[in-house]
Amino acid sequence: MKRFCEKAIDLLHRTATGPERTRKRLAPAAAGFFAFLVLLTITLSFFMDRFFGFSECIAQPYGAAASLPFLVCGLWLWLWSVGRFLKAKGSPMPVNPPPVLVTDGLYAYSRNPMMTGVFLMMTGIGLLFGSVFLTFIGMPLFASLSIAGFKWIEEPERERRFGKAYVEYRNRTPMIIPRLHRK
């Protein structure tokens, strides 16, 4: 596993610091692959609900009402994060990151508010459609695997690229769940 992570870190670093043309070409493919994984998780979760005979976790219209804050907050976090990366002359995809370390705005409270938004939206979709599997198994599993990827691949690459500045940022800022106050 360690060898795989080292190779992935090297590949990501070479790509993230490589020619701009290559990065810009890879970013849509990386975004499409990520969207595919999210949609696959949602689709498989709906299938697993039927397979196991799970009934709705929250009956309608209460499920729709419960989903609304998750969907709205998640979408807002995701859109704000994408906009912030574009403003910094990069993309939210690790293959085409901004050339500078983004630590302001929501990034002062969480190292990955964009993924927090995705996790919230997936939970909202689970509640909206009453999916027990998505809400309580699929999304937490997706979040756990995503966090492992951040911890083992993306964060070591950022540390290599930004050095001490990233280490200090990582030490003062939580990965996913924001603090209400800054350290």
C-alpha atoms as a PDB file:
ATOM      1  CA  MET A   1       0.000   0.000   0.000  1.00  0.00           C
ATOM      2  CA  LYS A   2       2.819   2.379   0.898  1.00  0.00           C
ATOM      3  CA  ARG A   3       4.476   1.825  -2.508  1.00  0.00           C
ATOM      4  CA  PHE A   4       1.164   2.504  -4.303  1.00  0.00           C
ATOM      5  CA  CYS A   5       0.690   5.760  -2.369  1.00  0.00           C
ATOM      6  CA  GLU A   6       4.256   6.890  -3.112  1.00  0.00           C
ATOM      7  CA  LYS A   7       3.754   6.262  -6.840  1.00  0.00           C
ATOM      8  CA  ALA A   8       0.383   8.056  -6.757  1.00  0.00           C
ATOM      9  CA  ILE A   9       1.928  11.023  -4.911  1.00  0.00           C
ATOM     10  CA  ASP A  10       4.754  11.211  -7.479  1.00  0.00           C
ATOM     11  CA  LEU A  11       2.320  11.020 -10.417  1.00  0.00           C
ATOM     12  CA  LEU A  12       0.024  13.656  -8.910  1.00  0.00           C
ATOM     13  CA  HIS A  13       2.978  15.944  -8.155  1.00  0.00           C
ATOM     14  CA  ARG A  14       4.412  15.626 -11.675  1.00  0.00           C
ATOM     15  CA  THR A  15       0.985  16.373 -13.121  1.00  0.00           C
ATOM     16  CA  ALA A  16       0.125  19.249 -10.731  1.00  0.00           C
ATOM     17  CA  THR A  17       3.464  20.946 -11.405  1.00  0.00           C
ATOM     18  CA  GLY A  18       3.676  19.992 -15.082  1.00  0.00           C
ATOM     19  CA  PRO A  19       2.752  21.913 -18.219  1.00  0.00           C
ATOM     20  CA  GLU A  20      -0.404  24.014 -17.944  1.00  0.00           C
ATOM     21  CA  ARG A  21      -1.745  22.603 -21.211  1.00  0.00           C
ATOM     22  CA  THR A  22      -1.598  19.034 -19.867  1.00  0.00           C
ATOM     23  CA  ARG A  23      -3.200  20.043 -16.558  1.00  0.00           C
ATOM     24  CA  LYS A  24      -6.062  21.829 -18.325  1.00  0.00           C
ATOM     25  CA  ARG A  25      -6.691  18.792 -20.514  1.00  0.00           C
ATOM     26  CA  LEU A  26      -6.694  16.377 -17.586  1.00  0.00           C
ATOM     27  CA  ALA A  27      -8.957  18.460 -15.296  1.00  0.00           C
ATOM     28  CA  PRO A  28     -12.250  17.690 -17.139  1.00  0.00           C
ATOM     29  CA  ALA A  29     -11.409  13.978 -17.269  1.00  0.00           C
ATOM     30  CA  ALA A  30     -10.616  13.973 -13.534  1.00  0.00           C
ATOM     31  CA  ALA A  31     -13.857  15.858 -12.800  1.00  0.00           C
ATOM     32  CA  GLY A  32     -15.812  13.387 -14.942  1.00  0.00           C
ATOM     33  CA  PHE A  33     -14.241  10.431 -13.142  1.00  0.00           C
ATOM     34  CA  PHE A  34     -15.074  11.956  -9.749  1.00  0.00           C
ATOM     35  CA  ALA A  35     -18.685  12.646 -10.840  1.00  0.00           C
ATOM     36  CA  PHE A  36     -18.885   9.044 -12.068  1.00  0.00           C
ATOM     37  CA  LEU A  37     -17.795   7.759  -8.621  1.00  0.00           C
ATOM     38  CA  VAL A  38     -20.402   9.933  -6.874  1.00  0.00           C
ATOM     39  CA  LEU A  39     -23.178   8.809  -9.249  1.00  0.00           C
ATOM     40  CA  LEU A  40     -22.062   5.186  -8.984  1.00  0.00           C
ATOM     41  CA  THR A  41     -22.247   5.376  -5.186  1.00  0.00           C
ATOM     42  CA  ILE A  42     -25.746   6.871  -5.356  1.00  0.00           C
ATOM     43  CA  THR A  43     -26.985   4.354  -7.947  1.00  0.00           C
ATOM     44  CA  LEU A  44     -25.530   1.350  -6.137  1.00  0.00           C
ATOM     45  CA  SER A  45     -27.048   2.607  -2.890  1.00  0.00           C
ATOM     46  CA  PHE A  46     -30.520   2.733  -4.451  1.00  0.00           C
ATOM     47  CA  PHE A  47     -29.983  -0.788  -5.789  1.00  0.00           C
ATOM     48  CA  MET A  48     -28.876  -2.003  -2.335  1.00  0.00           C
ATOM     49  CA  ASP A  49     -32.010  -0.482  -0.767  1.00  0.00           C
ATOM     50  CA  ARG A  50     -34.142  -2.612  -3.095  1.00  0.00           C
ATOM     51  CA  PHE A  51     -31.921  -5.677  -2.723  1.00  0.00           C
ATOM     52  CA  PHE A  52     -32.150  -5.633   1.077  1.00  0.00           C
ATOM     53  CA  GLY A  53     -35.781  -4.474   1.078  1.00  0.00           C
ATOM     54  CA  PHE A  54     -35.097  -1.300   3.048  1.00  0.00           C
ATOM     55  CA  SER A  55     -38.058   0.998   3.324  1.00  0.00           C
ATOM     56  CA  GLU A  56     -37.708   4.779   3.259  1.00  0.00           C
ATOM     57  CA  CYS A  57     -35.581   6.092   6.107  1.00  0.00           C
ATOM     58  CA  ILE A  58     -37.870   9.141   6.388  1.00  0.00           C
ATOM     59  CA  ALA A  59     -41.344   9.144   4.857  1.00  0.00           C
ATOM     60  CA  GLN A  60     -42.251  11.928   2.430  1.00  0.00           C
ATOM     61  CA  PRO A  61     -42.788  14.884   2.673  1.00  0.00           C
ATOM     62  CA  TYR A  62     -40.571  14.832   5.773  1.00  0.00           C
ATOM     63  CA  GLY A  63     -37.653  13.359   3.814  1.00  0.00           C
ATOM     64  CA  ALA A  64     -37.794  16.210   1.324  1.00  0.00           C
ATOM     65  CA  ALA A  65     -37.927  18.761   4.141  1.00  0.00           C
ATOM     66  CA  ALA A  66     -35.040  17.082   5.976  1.00  0.00           C
ATOM     67  CA  SER A  67     -32.969  16.964   2.785  1.00  0.00           C
ATOM     68  CA  LEU A  68     -33.298  20.651   1.965  1.00  0.00           C
ATOM     69  CA  PRO A  69     -30.690  22.049   4.412  1.00  0.00           C
ATOM     70  CA  PHE A  70     -28.175  19.373   3.362  1.00  0.00           C
ATOM     71  CA  LEU A  71     -28.720  20.028  -0.341  1.00  0.00           C
ATOM     72  CA  VAL A  72     -28.642  23.831  -0.072  1.00  0.00           C
ATOM     73  CA  CYS A  73     -25.614  24.001   2.247  1.00  0.00           C
ATOM     74  CA  GLY A  74     -23.761  21.318   0.314  1.00  0.00           C
ATOM     75  CA  LEU A  75     -24.372  22.979  -3.045  1.00  0.00           C
ATOM     76  CA  TRP A  76     -23.356  26.376  -1.667  1.00  0.00           C
ATOM     77  CA  LEU A  77     -20.102  24.979  -0.194  1.00  0.00           C
ATOM     78  CA  TRP A  78     -19.288  23.170  -3.424  1.00  0.00           C
ATOM     79  CA  LEU A  79     -20.009  26.176  -5.668  1.00  0.00           C
ATOM     80  CA  TRP A  80     -18.121  28.600  -3.409  1.00  0.00           C
ATOM     81  CA  SER A  81     -15.082  26.269  -3.361  1.00  0.00           C
ATOM     82  CA  VAL A  82     -15.061  25.809  -7.131  1.00  0.00           C
ATOM     83  CA  GLY A  83     -15.327  29.578  -7.579  1.00  0.00           C
ATOM     84  CA  ARG A  84     -12.462  30.173  -5.153  1.00  0.00           C
ATOM     85  CA  PHE A  85     -10.197  27.753  -7.033  1.00  0.00           C
ATOM     86  CA  LEU A  86     -11.063  29.331 -10.374  1.00  0.00           C
ATOM     87  CA  LYS A  87     -10.328  32.790  -8.918  1.00  0.00           C
ATOM     88  CA  ALA A  88      -6.916  31.481  -7.820  1.00  0.00           C
ATOM     89  CA  LYS A  89      -6.254  30.427 -11.441  1.00  0.00           C
ATOM     90  CA  GLY A  90      -6.667  26.688 -10.967  1.00  0.00           C
ATOM     91  CA  SER A  91      -9.381  24.094 -10.769  1.00  0.00           C
ATOM     92  CA  PRO A  92     -10.719  22.059  -7.867  1.00  0.00           C
ATOM     93  CA  MET A  93      -9.203  18.933  -9.419  1.00  0.00           C
ATOM     94  CA  PRO A  94      -5.862  17.880  -7.876  1.00  0.00           C
ATOM     95  CA  VAL A  95      -4.363  17.482 -11.379  1.00  0.00           C
ATOM     96  CA  ASN A  96      -4.809  21.229 -12.061  1.00  0.00           C
ATOM     97  CA  PRO A  97      -4.584  23.020  -8.727  1.00  0.00           C
ATOM     98  CA  PRO A  98      -4.081  26.750  -8.244  1.00  0.00           C
ATOM     99  CA  PRO A  99      -0.395  27.763  -8.188  1.00  0.00           C
ATOM    100  CA  VAL A 100      -0.830  29.204  -4.680  1.00  0.00           C
ATOM    101  CA  LEU A 101      -1.973  27.615  -1.444  1.00  0.00           C
ATOM    102  CA  VAL A 102      -5.600  28.675  -0.857  1.00  0.00           C
ATOM    103  CA  THR A 103      -6.122  29.320   2.871  1.00  0.00           C
ATOM    104  CA  ASP A 104      -8.650  32.163   2.977  1.00  0.00           C
ATOM    105  CA  GLY A 105     -12.439  32.279   3.184  1.00  0.00           C
ATOM    106  CA  LEU A 106     -13.920  28.896   4.035  1.00  0.00           C
ATOM    107  CA  TYR A 107     -10.469  27.337   3.623  1.00  0.00           C
ATOM    108  CA  ALA A 108      -9.450  29.092   6.833  1.00  0.00           C
ATOM    109  CA  TYR A 109     -11.905  26.822   8.681  1.00  0.00           C
ATOM    110  CA  SER A 110     -11.668  23.547   6.727  1.00  0.00           C
ATOM    111  CA  ARG A 111      -8.991  22.172   4.397  1.00  0.00           C
ATOM    112  CA  ASN A 112     -11.653  20.725   2.128  1.00  0.00           C
ATOM    113  CA  PRO A 113     -14.988  22.561   2.245  1.00  0.00           C
ATOM    114  CA  MET A 114     -15.688  21.421  -1.320  1.00  0.00           C
ATOM    115  CA  MET A 115     -15.779  17.766  -0.277  1.00  0.00           C
ATOM    116  CA  THR A 116     -17.764  18.676   2.820  1.00  0.00           C
ATOM    117  CA  GLY A 117     -20.298  20.110   0.357  1.00  0.00           C
ATOM    118  CA  VAL A 118     -20.291  16.897  -1.705  1.00  0.00           C
ATOM    119  CA  PHE A 119     -20.814  14.784   1.422  1.00  0.00           C
ATOM    120  CA  LEU A 120     -23.701  17.030   2.509  1.00  0.00           C
ATOM    121  CA  MET A 121     -25.317  16.845  -0.946  1.00  0.00           C
ATOM    122  CA  MET A 122     -25.022  13.047  -0.998  1.00  0.00           C
ATOM    123  CA  THR A 123     -26.660  12.878   2.433  1.00  0.00           C
ATOM    124  CA  GLY A 124     -29.392  15.240   1.186  1.00  0.00           C
ATOM    125  CA  ILE A 125     -30.032  13.023  -1.841  1.00  0.00           C
ATOM    126  CA  GLY A 126     -30.246  10.008   0.466  1.00  0.00           C
ATOM    127  CA  LEU A 127     -32.814  11.766   2.636  1.00  0.00           C
ATOM    128  CA  LEU A 128     -34.745  13.147  -0.342  1.00  0.00           C
ATOM    129  CA  PHE A 129     -35.206   9.689  -1.837  1.00  0.00           C
ATOM    130  CA  GLY A 130     -35.459   7.918   1.519  1.00  0.00           C
ATOM    131  CA  SER A 131     -32.380   5.781   0.839  1.00  0.00           C
ATOM    132  CA  VAL A 132     -31.275   4.032   4.007  1.00  0.00           C
ATOM    133  CA  PHE A 133     -28.204   2.625   2.281  1.00  0.00           C
ATOM    134  CA  LEU A 134     -26.997   5.944   0.811  1.00  0.00           C
ATOM    135  CA  THR A 135     -27.664   7.935   3.974  1.00  0.00           C
ATOM    136  CA  PHE A 136     -26.151   5.530   6.492  1.00  0.00           C
ATOM    137  CA  ILE A 137     -23.729   3.302   4.546  1.00  0.00           C
ATOM    138  CA  GLY A 138     -22.921   4.557   1.024  1.00  0.00           C
ATOM    139  CA  MET A 139     -22.131   8.181   1.829  1.00  0.00           C
ATOM    140  CA  PRO A 140     -20.141   7.395   5.006  1.00  0.00           C
ATOM    141  CA  LEU A 141     -18.149   4.775   3.079  1.00  0.00           C
ATOM    142  CA  PHE A 142     -17.574   7.222   0.195  1.00  0.00           C
ATOM    143  CA  ALA A 143     -16.517   9.904   2.687  1.00  0.00           C
ATOM    144  CA  SER A 144     -14.139   7.520   4.471  1.00  0.00           C
ATOM    145  CA  LEU A 145     -12.460   6.452   1.227  1.00  0.00           C
ATOM    146  CA  SER A 146     -12.224  10.090   0.081  1.00  0.00           C
ATOM    147  CA  ILE A 147     -10.657  11.153   3.378  1.00  0.00           C
ATOM    148  CA  ALA A 148      -8.161   8.270   3.127  1.00  0.00           C
ATOM    149  CA  GLY A 149      -7.231   9.479  -0.357  1.00  0.00           C
ATOM    150  CA  PHE A 150      -6.706  13.027   0.951  1.00  0.00           C
ATOM    151  CA  LYS A 151      -4.629  11.817   3.874  1.00  0.00           C
ATOM    152  CA  TRP A 152      -2.447   9.332   1.987  1.00  0.00           C
ATOM    153  CA  ILE A 153      -2.080  10.960  -1.444  1.00  0.00           C
ATOM    154  CA  GLU A 154      -3.309  14.558  -1.839  1.00  0.00           C
ATOM    155  CA  GLU A 155      -1.945  15.957   1.415  1.00  0.00           C
ATOM    156  CA  PRO A 156       1.573  14.506   1.029  1.00  0.00           C
ATOM    157  CA  GLU A 157       1.647  15.937  -2.513  1.00  0.00           C
ATOM    158  CA  ARG A 158       0.595  19.384  -1.227  1.00  0.00           C
ATOM    159  CA  GLU A 159       3.260  19.184   1.454  1.00  0.00           C
ATOM    160  CA  ARG A 160       5.846  18.406  -1.239  1.00  0.00           C
ATOM    161  CA  ARG A 161       4.602  21.305  -3.397  1.00  0.00           C
ATOM    162  CA  PHE A 162       4.119  23.976  -0.686  1.00  0.00           C
ATOM    163  CA  GLY A 163       6.467  22.744   2.064  1.00  0.00           C
ATOM    164  CA  LYS A 164       6.328  24.331   5.514  1.00  0.00           C
ATOM    165  CA  ALA A 165       3.412  26.615   4.544  1.00  0.00           C
ATOM    166  CA  TYR A 166       1.192  23.590   3.957  1.00  0.00           C
ATOM    167  CA  VAL A 167       2.353  21.814   7.128  1.00  0.00           C
ATOM    168  CA  GLU A 168       1.468  24.885   9.192  1.00  0.00           C
ATOM    169  CA  TYR A 169      -1.901  25.205   7.429  1.00  0.00           C
ATOM    170  CA  ARG A 170      -2.653  21.499   7.969  1.00  0.00           C
ATOM    171  CA  ASN A 171      -1.751  21.770  11.663  1.00  0.00           C
ATOM    172  CA  ARG A 172      -4.118  24.691  12.316  1.00  0.00           C
ATOM    173  CA  THR A 173      -7.051  23.755  10.032  1.00  0.00           C
ATOM    174  CA  PRO A 174      -9.278  20.656  10.294  1.00  0.00           C
ATOM    175  CA  MET A 175      -9.645  18.497   7.188  1.00  0.00           C
ATOM    176  CA  ILE A 176     -13.432  18.260   6.774  1.00  0.00           C
ATOM    177  CA  ILE A 177     -15.502  19.420   9.750  1.00  0.00           C
ATOM    178  CA  PRO A 178     -14.782  23.118  10.332  1.00  0.00           C
ATOM    179  CA  ARG A 179     -14.116  24.718  13.673  1.00  0.00           C
ATOM    180  CA  LEU A 180     -16.326  27.656  14.481  1.00  0.00           C
ATOM    181  CA  HIS A 181     -13.256  29.672  15.420  1.00  0.00           C
ATOM    182  CA  ARG A 182      -9.784  29.855  13.920  1.00  0.00           C
ATOM    183  CA  LYS A 183      -6.668  28.744  15.799  1.00  0.00           C
END
